[in-house]
Amino acid sequence: MTDAIVDVSDEQILRALLAEEDISNRAVGQQLGVDDRRVDAVRKRVGLPPFVRGRRPSYGSWEEAFAAQSEPVEGGHRRWTGTRERRGTPVVRHRTSIQTAYRVAFRLHHGREPEGKVSQSCRIPGCVAGEHQQDRVMREAEG
């Protein structure tokens, strides 16, 4: 009897990485029947942070948590390097709370809680720079 060869796409690997928070390359590899080095290559290519076994880091403030999980990039944008929820939305954890990185970035930059949905004012996918986040109040003032 021969084993069937299953062709697994990088998109399938990415979906598996995003489906569970903090999943290891080995777990995805076993789930899909691919080598965990290939999973690691996909993870690196799309900019997902490496899997870290054990306790999550503890941060003293929202600002510290946000800064530790994002990095500045060219043009005043900011790339998320931290945890994402199932659908890929970047999230910040502080103590026992979780918020989207977009809401945290807005609050840290504008000094107030956002009203309504937070959306990006720039066209860079996933940018979490505070100055590139708008809430309902800001969108209505433009319109």
Protein backbone atom coordinates (compact mmCIF):
# COMPACT_ATOMS: atom_id res chain seq x y z
CA MET A 1 0.00 0.00 0.00
CA THR A 2 1.32 3.47 -0.86
CA ASP A 3 0.69 6.73 0.92
CA ALA A 4 -1.23 9.32 -1.03
CA ILE A 5 0.75 12.45 -1.78
CA VAL A 6 -1.17 15.53 -0.74
CA ASP A 7 -0.26 18.87 -2.28
CA VAL A 8 -0.58 21.53 0.40
CA SER A 9 -0.49 25.17 -0.69
CA ASP A 10 1.21 27.98 1.20
CA GLU A 11 -2.26 29.54 1.55
CA GLN A 12 -3.45 26.44 3.43
CA ILE A 13 -0.42 26.65 5.70
CA LEU A 14 -1.09 30.34 6.36
CA ARG A 15 -4.76 29.64 7.17
CA ALA A 16 -3.67 26.96 9.65
CA LEU A 17 -1.18 29.37 11.27
CA LEU A 18 -3.88 32.02 11.66
CA ALA A 19 -6.64 29.63 12.75
CA GLU A 20 -5.19 29.08 16.21
CA GLU A 21 -3.43 31.58 18.38
CA ASP A 22 0.13 30.61 19.28
CA ILE A 23 0.34 27.42 17.21
CA SER A 24 3.74 25.86 16.61
CA ASN A 25 5.24 25.09 13.21
CA ARG A 26 5.37 21.43 14.22
CA ALA A 27 1.65 21.34 15.08
CA VAL A 28 0.73 22.87 11.70
CA GLY A 29 3.12 20.51 9.92
CA GLN A 30 1.57 17.49 11.59
CA GLN A 31 -1.94 18.76 10.94
CA LEU A 32 -1.29 19.24 7.20
CA GLY A 33 1.32 16.55 6.63
CA VAL A 34 4.14 18.93 5.68
CA ASP A 35 7.63 19.54 7.03
CA ASP A 36 7.72 22.12 9.83
CA ARG A 37 10.61 23.89 8.04
CA ARG A 38 8.18 24.70 5.22
CA VAL A 39 5.69 26.05 7.77
CA ASP A 40 8.48 28.20 9.24
CA ALA A 41 9.34 29.55 5.77
CA VAL A 42 5.69 30.56 5.19
CA ARG A 43 5.53 32.14 8.65
CA LYS A 44 8.66 34.21 7.93
CA ARG A 45 7.59 35.21 4.41
CA VAL A 46 4.29 36.73 5.59
CA GLY A 47 5.89 38.38 8.63
CA LEU A 48 4.27 36.35 11.40
CA PRO A 49 6.31 36.26 14.61
CA PRO A 50 8.02 33.00 15.51
CA PHE A 51 6.21 30.58 17.81
CA VAL A 52 7.40 30.96 21.40
CA ARG A 53 6.75 28.13 23.82
CA GLY A 54 5.74 28.93 27.38
CA ARG A 55 4.31 31.97 29.11
CA ARG A 56 3.51 35.09 27.20
CA PRO A 57 5.48 38.18 28.17
CA SER A 58 3.94 40.45 30.77
CA TYR A 59 3.88 44.19 30.04
CA GLY A 60 3.60 47.09 32.47
CA SER A 61 1.32 49.19 30.25
CA TRP A 62 -0.65 49.21 27.01
CA GLU A 63 2.06 51.42 25.51
CA GLU A 64 4.80 48.95 26.45
CA ALA A 65 2.80 46.01 25.07
CA PHE A 66 2.07 47.86 21.81
CA ALA A 67 5.68 49.00 21.33
CA ALA A 68 7.08 45.52 22.03
CA GLN A 69 4.84 43.95 19.38
CA SER A 70 5.19 46.44 16.54
CA GLU A 71 7.97 48.13 14.64
CA PRO A 72 8.30 51.32 12.61
CA VAL A 73 8.69 50.97 8.86
CA GLU A 74 9.43 53.41 6.05
CA GLY A 75 6.98 56.25 5.47
CA GLY A 76 5.81 56.64 9.07
CA HIS A 77 3.91 53.33 9.01
CA ARG A 78 4.06 50.64 11.69
CA ARG A 79 4.06 46.87 11.15
CA TRP A 80 2.52 44.48 13.64
CA THR A 81 4.83 41.67 14.81
CA GLY A 82 2.74 40.42 17.72
CA THR A 83 -0.21 38.12 18.25
CA ARG A 84 -3.16 37.99 15.89
CA GLU A 85 -6.65 36.65 16.43
CA ARG A 86 -8.20 33.94 14.27
CA ARG A 87 -9.05 36.21 11.34
CA GLY A 88 -5.63 37.84 11.38
CA THR A 89 -6.51 41.01 13.27
CA PRO A 90 -3.56 42.21 15.37
CA VAL A 91 -4.35 42.15 19.09
CA VAL A 92 -2.67 43.54 22.18
CA ARG A 93 -2.89 41.81 25.54
CA HIS A 94 -2.36 43.67 28.78
CA ARG A 95 -3.04 41.94 32.06
CA THR A 96 -6.43 40.27 31.54
CA SER A 97 -7.65 42.48 28.67
CA ILE A 98 -7.37 42.12 24.91
CA GLN A 99 -7.93 44.94 22.39
CA THR A 100 -7.20 45.31 18.70
CA ALA A 101 -3.87 46.95 17.97
CA TYR A 102 -5.77 49.55 15.92
CA ARG A 103 -7.78 50.74 18.95
CA VAL A 104 -4.70 50.75 21.19
CA ALA A 105 -2.70 52.69 18.56
CA PHE A 106 -5.53 55.21 18.21
CA ARG A 107 -5.80 55.75 21.97
CA LEU A 108 -2.03 56.08 22.46
CA HIS A 109 -1.69 58.58 19.61
CA HIS A 110 -4.86 60.68 20.02
CA GLY A 111 -5.08 60.54 23.83
CA ARG A 112 -8.72 59.47 23.91
CA GLU A 113 -10.87 56.39 23.39
CA PRO A 114 -12.02 55.93 19.80
CA GLU A 115 -15.74 56.29 19.07
CA GLY A 116 -17.15 53.59 16.84
CA LYS A 117 -15.07 51.49 14.48
CA VAL A 118 -11.39 52.34 14.00
CA SER A 119 -10.19 52.31 10.39
CA GLN A 120 -6.96 53.17 8.63
CA SER A 121 -6.43 56.48 6.87
CA CYS A 122 -3.44 55.15 4.90
CA ARG A 123 -3.46 52.50 2.19
CA ILE A 124 -0.79 50.24 3.71
CA PRO A 125 -2.49 46.94 4.66
CA GLY A 126 -2.25 46.22 8.37
CA CYS A 127 -0.54 49.49 9.31
CA VAL A 128 -0.96 50.06 13.06
CA ALA A 129 0.57 53.56 13.27
CA GLY A 130 -1.59 55.64 15.62
CA GLU A 131 -1.58 58.67 13.33
CA HIS A 132 -3.01 56.46 10.56
CA GLN A 133 -6.08 55.39 12.56
CA GLN A 134 -9.43 57.18 12.44
CA ASP A 135 -12.62 56.74 14.40
CA ARG A 136 -16.21 57.60 13.47
CA VAL A 137 -15.89 61.18 14.75
CA MET A 138 -12.88 61.87 12.53
CA ARG A 139 -14.47 60.28 9.44
CA GLU A 140 -17.67 62.31 9.91
CA ALA A 141 -15.65 65.54 10.26
CA GLU A 142 -13.97 64.82 6.91
CA GLY A 143 -17.18 63.96 5.10
